[in-house]
């Protein structure tokens, strides 16, 4: 099976500091791939390279088997890679619909949109409502309410809905449950599973081992700037994963 998103031999140096050291990465169709690693392991640099926020010094990135050269996050977005950052990148004062279409606003058809650049708010609100309903986010009643009035889990839902709508090939989620309580974390995990059911592969960066082992199909363990191994949750324990991350234990063999 050809990976949807693949990286080979990525290198990124900052002077004498090597953030990525011949790093490899493989994401297969329809899977949830968790990326874990200790602080300073280089996983953030890896994800930034895959999402266009960082240009590697060496190596190759492939999307659907074809080489790509992302020069900016916008290049990655246009190629179909959407990233939900830990900060969510939402504008609190704007409405849910405005945030969903931020940078992709729809204009009214005809001269009003073409010449006067008037936005088609009715169409954006209808589509935003449909996006949220498609992911089961029915607790949001008023699509016009400001994002700052939403709970943490609902805000995460808006960011994920935006990513799944405009990310046609891959969704990357950076610590989606980091600032949430138990109930809201559960909702976000269910939301991630719904996204996979839609056929989108997901890259999940997380420090929460119970969450990783609950929903991930495979776990990419990053250490010292490179992929140490890839394991399956059913074959190893959380203690094993932590030991691999910290170097207390070496993996016996590379998993599939």
C-alpha atoms as a PDB file:
ATOM      1  CA  UNK A   1       0.000   0.000   0.000  1.00  0.00           C
ATOM      2  CA  UNK A   2       1.370   3.409  -1.005  1.00  0.00           C
ATOM      3  CA  UNK A   3       1.556   5.926   1.864  1.00  0.00           C
ATOM      4  CA  UNK A   4      -0.656   8.988   1.542  1.00  0.00           C
ATOM      5  CA  UNK A   5       2.074  11.122   3.092  1.00  0.00           C
ATOM      6  CA  UNK A   6       5.687  10.047   3.281  1.00  0.00           C
ATOM      7  CA  UNK A   7       9.025  11.566   4.246  1.00  0.00           C
ATOM      8  CA  UNK A   8      12.494  10.140   3.699  1.00  0.00           C
ATOM      9  CA  UNK A   9      15.776  11.342   5.129  1.00  0.00           C
ATOM     10  CA  UNK A  10      14.596  14.746   6.381  1.00  0.00           C
ATOM     11  CA  UNK A  11      17.380  16.883   7.831  1.00  0.00           C
ATOM     12  CA  UNK A  12      17.013  20.271   9.520  1.00  0.00           C
ATOM     13  CA  UNK A  13      19.897  22.057  11.208  1.00  0.00           C
ATOM     14  CA  UNK A  14      19.970  25.249  13.248  1.00  0.00           C
ATOM     15  CA  UNK A  15      23.677  25.948  13.410  1.00  0.00           C
ATOM     16  CA  UNK A  16      25.126  23.065  15.398  1.00  0.00           C
ATOM     17  CA  UNK A  17      21.735  21.918  16.602  1.00  0.00           C
ATOM     18  CA  UNK A  18      20.248  19.106  14.508  1.00  0.00           C
ATOM     19  CA  UNK A  19      16.450  19.124  14.843  1.00  0.00           C
ATOM     20  CA  UNK A  20      15.871  16.425  12.225  1.00  0.00           C
ATOM     21  CA  UNK A  21      18.495  13.765  11.569  1.00  0.00           C
ATOM     22  CA  UNK A  22      17.564  11.626   8.530  1.00  0.00           C
ATOM     23  CA  UNK A  23      13.975  11.410   9.768  1.00  0.00           C
ATOM     24  CA  UNK A  24      11.476   9.111   8.024  1.00  0.00           C
ATOM     25  CA  UNK A  25       7.692   9.127   8.166  1.00  0.00           C
ATOM     26  CA  UNK A  26       4.828   7.106   6.647  1.00  0.00           C
ATOM     27  CA  UNK A  27       1.077   7.723   6.869  1.00  0.00           C
ATOM     28  CA  UNK A  28      -1.206   5.163   5.227  1.00  0.00           C
ATOM     29  CA  UNK A  29      -4.767   5.633   3.916  1.00  0.00           C
ATOM     30  CA  UNK A  30      -7.551   5.640   6.499  1.00  0.00           C
ATOM     31  CA  UNK A  31      -5.379   5.309   9.601  1.00  0.00           C
ATOM     32  CA  UNK A  32      -4.782   7.276  12.762  1.00  0.00           C
ATOM     33  CA  UNK A  33      -1.021   7.575  13.228  1.00  0.00           C
ATOM     34  CA  UNK A  34       0.091   8.899  16.607  1.00  0.00           C
ATOM     35  CA  UNK A  35       3.446  10.693  16.820  1.00  0.00           C
ATOM     36  CA  UNK A  36       5.032  10.643  20.261  1.00  0.00           C
ATOM     37  CA  UNK A  37       8.413  11.633  21.613  1.00  0.00           C
ATOM     38  CA  UNK A  38      10.129  13.279  24.545  1.00  0.00           C
ATOM     39  CA  UNK A  39      10.583  17.054  24.650  1.00  0.00           C
ATOM     40  CA  UNK A  40      13.299  18.042  22.178  1.00  0.00           C
ATOM     41  CA  UNK A  41      12.989  14.804  20.194  1.00  0.00           C
ATOM     42  CA  UNK A  42      12.223  16.713  17.003  1.00  0.00           C
ATOM     43  CA  UNK A  43       8.599  15.703  16.481  1.00  0.00           C
ATOM     44  CA  UNK A  44       7.453  19.331  16.217  1.00  0.00           C
ATOM     45  CA  UNK A  45      10.066  19.982  13.512  1.00  0.00           C
ATOM     46  CA  UNK A  46       8.887  16.861  11.675  1.00  0.00           C
ATOM     47  CA  UNK A  47       5.255  17.989  11.724  1.00  0.00           C
ATOM     48  CA  UNK A  48       6.206  21.523  10.683  1.00  0.00           C
ATOM     49  CA  UNK A  49       8.092  20.117   7.696  1.00  0.00           C
ATOM     50  CA  UNK A  50       5.096  17.990   6.692  1.00  0.00           C
ATOM     51  CA  UNK A  51       2.696  20.939   7.029  1.00  0.00           C
ATOM     52  CA  UNK A  52       4.860  23.452   5.154  1.00  0.00           C
ATOM     53  CA  UNK A  53       5.796  25.567   8.192  1.00  0.00           C
ATOM     54  CA  UNK A  54       9.455  24.504   7.954  1.00  0.00           C
ATOM     55  CA  UNK A  55      11.638  23.842   4.906  1.00  0.00           C
ATOM     56  CA  UNK A  56      14.028  20.915   5.506  1.00  0.00           C
ATOM     57  CA  UNK A  57      17.681  21.212   4.465  1.00  0.00           C
ATOM     58  CA  UNK A  58      17.699  17.706   3.004  1.00  0.00           C
ATOM     59  CA  UNK A  59      15.299  14.867   2.289  1.00  0.00           C
ATOM     60  CA  UNK A  60      12.105  14.305   0.371  1.00  0.00           C
ATOM     61  CA  UNK A  61       8.393  14.558   1.111  1.00  0.00           C
ATOM     62  CA  UNK A  62       5.869  12.667  -1.026  1.00  0.00           C
ATOM     63  CA  UNK A  63       2.103  13.104  -1.208  1.00  0.00           C
ATOM     64  CA  UNK A  64       0.230  10.235  -2.898  1.00  0.00           C
ATOM     65  CA  UNK A  65       3.579   8.962  -4.114  1.00  0.00           C
ATOM     66  CA  UNK A  66       4.549  12.226  -5.841  1.00  0.00           C
ATOM     67  CA  UNK A  67       7.376  14.500  -4.597  1.00  0.00           C
ATOM     68  CA  UNK A  68       6.213  17.833  -3.168  1.00  0.00           C
ATOM     69  CA  UNK A  69       8.102  20.958  -2.089  1.00  0.00           C
ATOM     70  CA  UNK A  70       6.093  23.007   0.364  1.00  0.00           C
ATOM     71  CA  UNK A  71       7.405  26.542   0.744  1.00  0.00           C
ATOM     72  CA  UNK A  72       4.671  27.658   3.145  1.00  0.00           C
ATOM     73  CA  UNK A  73       1.685  26.298   5.118  1.00  0.00           C
ATOM     74  CA  UNK A  74      -0.554  27.645   2.363  1.00  0.00           C
ATOM     75  CA  UNK A  75       1.176  25.343  -0.148  1.00  0.00           C
ATOM     76  CA  UNK A  76       0.406  22.359   2.096  1.00  0.00           C
ATOM     77  CA  UNK A  77      -3.207  23.486   2.554  1.00  0.00           C
ATOM     78  CA  UNK A  78      -3.697  23.818  -1.180  1.00  0.00           C
ATOM     79  CA  UNK A  79      -2.291  20.304  -1.616  1.00  0.00           C
ATOM     80  CA  UNK A  80      -4.878  18.964   0.857  1.00  0.00           C
ATOM     81  CA  UNK A  81      -2.963  18.858   4.162  1.00  0.00           C
ATOM     82  CA  UNK A  82      -4.844  20.624   6.957  1.00  0.00           C
ATOM     83  CA  UNK A  83      -3.332  21.214  10.394  1.00  0.00           C
ATOM     84  CA  UNK A  84      -5.215  21.848  13.638  1.00  0.00           C
ATOM     85  CA  UNK A  85      -2.676  23.543  15.896  1.00  0.00           C
ATOM     86  CA  UNK A  86      -2.781  23.439  19.678  1.00  0.00           C
ATOM     87  CA  UNK A  87      -3.688  27.147  19.672  1.00  0.00           C
ATOM     88  CA  UNK A  88      -6.554  26.305  17.211  1.00  0.00           C
ATOM     89  CA  UNK A  89      -5.850  29.468  15.136  1.00  0.00           C
ATOM     90  CA  UNK A  90      -9.397  30.755  15.667  1.00  0.00           C
ATOM     91  CA  UNK A  91     -10.477  34.380  15.944  1.00  0.00           C
ATOM     92  CA  UNK A  92     -12.489  34.584  19.204  1.00  0.00           C
ATOM     93  CA  UNK A  93     -14.501  37.689  18.271  1.00  0.00           C
ATOM     94  CA  UNK A  94     -15.711  36.279  14.948  1.00  0.00           C
ATOM     95  CA  UNK A  95     -18.677  33.959  14.547  1.00  0.00           C
ATOM     96  CA  UNK A  96     -18.436  30.194  14.013  1.00  0.00           C
ATOM     97  CA  UNK A  97     -19.267  30.556  10.309  1.00  0.00           C
ATOM     98  CA  UNK A  98     -16.720  33.356   9.851  1.00  0.00           C
ATOM     99  CA  UNK A  99     -14.025  31.215  11.451  1.00  0.00           C
ATOM    100  CA  UNK A 100     -14.912  28.200   9.327  1.00  0.00           C
ATOM    101  CA  UNK A 101     -14.419  30.218   6.130  1.00  0.00           C
ATOM    102  CA  UNK A 102     -11.605  32.466   7.354  1.00  0.00           C
ATOM    103  CA  UNK A 103      -9.429  33.150   4.308  1.00  0.00           C
ATOM    104  CA  UNK A 104     -11.835  31.206   2.082  1.00  0.00           C
ATOM    105  CA  UNK A 105     -14.871  33.491   2.219  1.00  0.00           C
ATOM    106  CA  UNK A 106     -17.667  32.968  -0.288  1.00  0.00           C
ATOM    107  CA  UNK A 107     -18.903  35.942  -2.292  1.00  0.00           C
ATOM    108  CA  UNK A 108     -22.382  36.532  -3.594  1.00  0.00           C
ATOM    109  CA  UNK A 109     -22.926  35.362  -7.167  1.00  0.00           C
ATOM    110  CA  UNK A 110     -23.018  37.889  -9.974  1.00  0.00           C
ATOM    111  CA  UNK A 111     -21.920  41.541  -9.939  1.00  0.00           C
ATOM    112  CA  UNK A 112     -22.423  41.975  -6.179  1.00  0.00           C
ATOM    113  CA  UNK A 113     -19.699  39.481  -5.421  1.00  0.00           C
ATOM    114  CA  UNK A 114     -17.489  40.085  -8.439  1.00  0.00           C
ATOM    115  CA  UNK A 115     -17.342  43.878  -8.358  1.00  0.00           C
ATOM    116  CA  UNK A 116     -18.498  44.882  -4.872  1.00  0.00           C
ATOM    117  CA  UNK A 117     -16.956  41.836  -3.098  1.00  0.00           C
ATOM    118  CA  UNK A 118     -20.023  41.335  -0.921  1.00  0.00           C
ATOM    119  CA  UNK A 119     -19.877  38.117   1.100  1.00  0.00           C
ATOM    120  CA  UNK A 120     -22.540  35.439   0.797  1.00  0.00           C
ATOM    121  CA  UNK A 121     -23.125  35.007   4.520  1.00  0.00           C
ATOM    122  CA  UNK A 122     -26.238  32.860   4.082  1.00  0.00           C
ATOM    123  CA  UNK A 123     -24.310  30.298   2.018  1.00  0.00           C
ATOM    124  CA  UNK A 124     -21.379  30.254   4.470  1.00  0.00           C
ATOM    125  CA  UNK A 125     -23.685  29.777   7.456  1.00  0.00           C
ATOM    126  CA  UNK A 126     -25.604  26.972   5.719  1.00  0.00           C
ATOM    127  CA  UNK A 127     -22.393  25.169   4.752  1.00  0.00           C
ATOM    128  CA  UNK A 128     -20.853  25.670   8.208  1.00  0.00           C
ATOM    129  CA  UNK A 129     -23.975  24.212   9.842  1.00  0.00           C
ATOM    130  CA  UNK A 130     -23.809  21.219   7.489  1.00  0.00           C
ATOM    131  CA  UNK A 131     -20.097  20.686   8.256  1.00  0.00           C
ATOM    132  CA  UNK A 132     -20.721  20.609  12.005  1.00  0.00           C
ATOM    133  CA  UNK A 133     -23.745  18.306  11.651  1.00  0.00           C
ATOM    134  CA  UNK A 134     -21.715  15.943   9.465  1.00  0.00           C
ATOM    135  CA  UNK A 135     -19.282  15.452  12.340  1.00  0.00           C
ATOM    136  CA  UNK A 136     -22.050  15.088  14.917  1.00  0.00           C
ATOM    137  CA  UNK A 137     -21.436  18.501  16.519  1.00  0.00           C
ATOM    138  CA  UNK A 138     -25.109  19.153  17.161  1.00  0.00           C
ATOM    139  CA  UNK A 139     -24.597  20.931  20.494  1.00  0.00           C
ATOM    140  CA  UNK A 140     -23.785  24.161  18.642  1.00  0.00           C
ATOM    141  CA  UNK A 141     -27.162  25.729  17.954  1.00  0.00           C
ATOM    142  CA  UNK A 142     -26.365  29.250  16.778  1.00  0.00           C
ATOM    143  CA  UNK A 143     -23.872  29.355  13.917  1.00  0.00           C
ATOM    144  CA  UNK A 144     -23.595  33.136  14.341  1.00  0.00           C
ATOM    145  CA  UNK A 145     -22.424  33.123  17.952  1.00  0.00           C
ATOM    146  CA  UNK A 146     -18.834  34.296  18.592  1.00  0.00           C
ATOM    147  CA  UNK A 147     -16.256  31.548  19.099  1.00  0.00           C
ATOM    148  CA  UNK A 148     -15.275  33.109  22.439  1.00  0.00           C
ATOM    149  CA  UNK A 149     -18.657  31.994  23.837  1.00  0.00           C
ATOM    150  CA  UNK A 150     -17.942  28.301  23.106  1.00  0.00           C
ATOM    151  CA  UNK A 151     -16.446  25.729  25.446  1.00  0.00           C
ATOM    152  CA  UNK A 152     -12.960  24.358  24.818  1.00  0.00           C
ATOM    153  CA  UNK A 153     -14.311  21.168  23.278  1.00  0.00           C
ATOM    154  CA  UNK A 154     -16.668  23.078  20.995  1.00  0.00           C
ATOM    155  CA  UNK A 155     -13.837  25.324  19.819  1.00  0.00           C
ATOM    156  CA  UNK A 156     -11.772  22.246  19.047  1.00  0.00           C
ATOM    157  CA  UNK A 157     -14.746  20.897  17.115  1.00  0.00           C
ATOM    158  CA  UNK A 158     -14.959  24.053  14.994  1.00  0.00           C
ATOM    159  CA  UNK A 159     -11.231  23.848  14.190  1.00  0.00           C
ATOM    160  CA  UNK A 160     -11.486  20.144  13.326  1.00  0.00           C
ATOM    161  CA  UNK A 161     -14.587  20.686  11.172  1.00  0.00           C
ATOM    162  CA  UNK A 162     -12.753  23.418   9.252  1.00  0.00           C
ATOM    163  CA  UNK A 163      -9.728  21.152   8.753  1.00  0.00           C
ATOM    164  CA  UNK A 164     -11.718  18.139   7.581  1.00  0.00           C
ATOM    165  CA  UNK A 165     -13.686  20.254   5.129  1.00  0.00           C
ATOM    166  CA  UNK A 166     -10.720  21.949   3.493  1.00  0.00           C
ATOM    167  CA  UNK A 167      -8.113  19.242   4.109  1.00  0.00           C
ATOM    168  CA  UNK A 168      -8.991  16.799   1.375  1.00  0.00           C
ATOM    169  CA  UNK A 169      -6.169  14.290   1.962  1.00  0.00           C
ATOM    170  CA  UNK A 170      -4.571  14.524   5.417  1.00  0.00           C
ATOM    171  CA  UNK A 171      -5.497  16.081   8.773  1.00  0.00           C
ATOM    172  CA  UNK A 172      -2.749  16.808  11.320  1.00  0.00           C
ATOM    173  CA  UNK A 173      -3.837  17.419  14.927  1.00  0.00           C
ATOM    174  CA  UNK A 174      -1.413  18.892  17.444  1.00  0.00           C
ATOM    175  CA  UNK A 175      -2.286  18.036  21.059  1.00  0.00           C
ATOM    176  CA  UNK A 176      -6.072  18.277  20.511  1.00  0.00           C
ATOM    177  CA  UNK A 177      -6.982  17.340  24.100  1.00  0.00           C
ATOM    178  CA  UNK A 178      -4.165  19.129  25.964  1.00  0.00           C
ATOM    179  CA  UNK A 179      -6.273  21.889  27.561  1.00  0.00           C
ATOM    180  CA  UNK A 180      -9.555  19.992  27.909  1.00  0.00           C
ATOM    181  CA  UNK A 181     -11.336  18.246  30.760  1.00  0.00           C
ATOM    182  CA  UNK A 182     -12.304  14.584  30.811  1.00  0.00           C
ATOM    183  CA  UNK A 183     -15.754  14.978  29.224  1.00  0.00           C
ATOM    184  CA  UNK A 184     -14.587  17.341  26.488  1.00  0.00           C
ATOM    185  CA  UNK A 185     -11.550  15.170  25.763  1.00  0.00           C
ATOM    186  CA  UNK A 186     -13.922  12.252  25.232  1.00  0.00           C
ATOM    187  CA  UNK A 187     -15.907  14.273  22.711  1.00  0.00           C
ATOM    188  CA  UNK A 188     -12.775  15.253  20.803  1.00  0.00           C
ATOM    189  CA  UNK A 189     -11.596  11.630  20.647  1.00  0.00           C
ATOM    190  CA  UNK A 190     -15.002  10.598  19.305  1.00  0.00           C
ATOM    191  CA  UNK A 191     -14.707  13.419  16.792  1.00  0.00           C
ATOM    192  CA  UNK A 192     -11.316  12.122  15.618  1.00  0.00           C
ATOM    193  CA  UNK A 193     -12.809   8.663  15.109  1.00  0.00           C
ATOM    194  CA  UNK A 194     -15.636  10.190  13.052  1.00  0.00           C
ATOM    195  CA  UNK A 195     -13.087  11.948  10.863  1.00  0.00           C
ATOM    196  CA  UNK A 196     -11.393   8.599  10.200  1.00  0.00           C
ATOM    197  CA  UNK A 197     -14.768   7.091   9.309  1.00  0.00           C
ATOM    198  CA  UNK A 198     -15.022   9.753   6.595  1.00  0.00           C
ATOM    199  CA  UNK A 199     -11.892   8.219   5.065  1.00  0.00           C
ATOM    200  CA  UNK A 200      -9.349  10.871   6.057  1.00  0.00           C
ATOM    201  CA  UNK A 201      -6.010   9.686   7.508  1.00  0.00           C
ATOM    202  CA  UNK A 202      -5.019  11.535  10.684  1.00  0.00           C
ATOM    203  CA  UNK A 203      -1.673  12.402  12.253  1.00  0.00           C
ATOM    204  CA  UNK A 204      -2.146  12.802  16.015  1.00  0.00           C
ATOM    205  CA  UNK A 205       0.592  14.467  18.065  1.00  0.00           C
ATOM    206  CA  UNK A 206      -0.046  13.840  21.746  1.00  0.00           C
ATOM    207  CA  UNK A 207       1.599  13.340  25.132  1.00  0.00           C
ATOM    208  CA  UNK A 208      -1.508  11.634  26.500  1.00  0.00           C
ATOM    209  CA  UNK A 209      -0.627   7.935  26.366  1.00  0.00           C
ATOM    210  CA  UNK A 210      -4.095   6.575  27.268  1.00  0.00           C
ATOM    211  CA  UNK A 211      -5.608   8.585  24.402  1.00  0.00           C
ATOM    212  CA  UNK A 212      -2.872   7.473  21.998  1.00  0.00           C
ATOM    213  CA  UNK A 213      -3.281   3.802  22.858  1.00  0.00           C
ATOM    214  CA  UNK A 214      -7.064   4.037  22.681  1.00  0.00           C
ATOM    215  CA  UNK A 215      -7.507   5.434  19.179  1.00  0.00           C
ATOM    216  CA  UNK A 216      -4.223   5.094  17.247  1.00  0.00           C
ATOM    217  CA  UNK A 217      -3.761   2.360  14.650  1.00  0.00           C
ATOM    218  CA  UNK A 218       0.018   2.809  14.723  1.00  0.00           C
ATOM    219  CA  UNK A 219       2.416   4.827  16.882  1.00  0.00           C
ATOM    220  CA  UNK A 220       5.442   6.619  15.440  1.00  0.00           C
ATOM    221  CA  UNK A 221       8.087   7.018  18.161  1.00  0.00           C
ATOM    222  CA  UNK A 222      10.499   9.891  17.570  1.00  0.00           C
ATOM    223  CA  UNK A 223      13.834  10.158  19.385  1.00  0.00           C
ATOM    224  CA  UNK A 224      16.978  12.226  18.795  1.00  0.00           C
ATOM    225  CA  UNK A 225      15.641  13.799  15.627  1.00  0.00           C
ATOM    226  CA  UNK A 226      14.625  10.623  13.835  1.00  0.00           C
ATOM    227  CA  UNK A 227      12.050   7.851  13.794  1.00  0.00           C
ATOM    228  CA  UNK A 228      13.132   5.223  16.278  1.00  0.00           C
ATOM    229  CA  UNK A 229      10.380   2.755  15.406  1.00  0.00           C
ATOM    230  CA  UNK A 230       6.703   2.356  14.612  1.00  0.00           C
ATOM    231  CA  UNK A 231       4.648   0.111  16.886  1.00  0.00           C
ATOM    232  CA  UNK A 232       1.073  -1.127  17.116  1.00  0.00           C
ATOM    233  CA  UNK A 233      -0.775  -0.438  20.397  1.00  0.00           C
ATOM    234  CA  UNK A 234      -1.969  -4.038  20.701  1.00  0.00           C
ATOM    235  CA  UNK A 235       1.622  -5.339  20.634  1.00  0.00           C
ATOM    236  CA  UNK A 236       3.157  -3.087  23.285  1.00  0.00           C
ATOM    237  CA  UNK A 237       2.249  -1.449  26.567  1.00  0.00           C
ATOM    238  CA  UNK A 238       2.307   2.240  27.472  1.00  0.00           C
ATOM    239  CA  UNK A 239       5.340   1.531  29.652  1.00  0.00           C
ATOM    240  CA  UNK A 240       7.145   0.085  26.623  1.00  0.00           C
ATOM    241  CA  UNK A 241       6.355   3.185  24.556  1.00  0.00           C
ATOM    242  CA  UNK A 242       7.657   5.516  27.283  1.00  0.00           C
ATOM    243  CA  UNK A 243      10.808   3.396  27.627  1.00  0.00           C
ATOM    244  CA  UNK A 244      11.430   3.615  23.879  1.00  0.00           C
ATOM    245  CA  UNK A 245      10.884   7.392  23.935  1.00  0.00           C
ATOM    246  CA  UNK A 246      13.341   7.989  26.760  1.00  0.00           C
ATOM    247  CA  UNK A 247      15.971   5.498  25.637  1.00  0.00           C
ATOM    248  CA  UNK A 248      15.501   3.252  28.666  1.00  0.00           C
ATOM    249  CA  UNK A 249      14.672   0.394  26.326  1.00  0.00           C
ATOM    250  CA  UNK A 250      15.469  -0.378  22.696  1.00  0.00           C
ATOM    251  CA  UNK A 251      12.819  -1.840  20.369  1.00  0.00           C
ATOM    252  CA  UNK A 252      13.469  -5.450  19.381  1.00  0.00           C
ATOM    253  CA  UNK A 253      12.377  -4.991  15.758  1.00  0.00           C
ATOM    254  CA  UNK A 254      10.657  -2.486  13.512  1.00  0.00           C
ATOM    255  CA  UNK A 255       6.904  -3.008  13.480  1.00  0.00           C
ATOM    256  CA  UNK A 256       4.824  -2.845  10.327  1.00  0.00           C
END
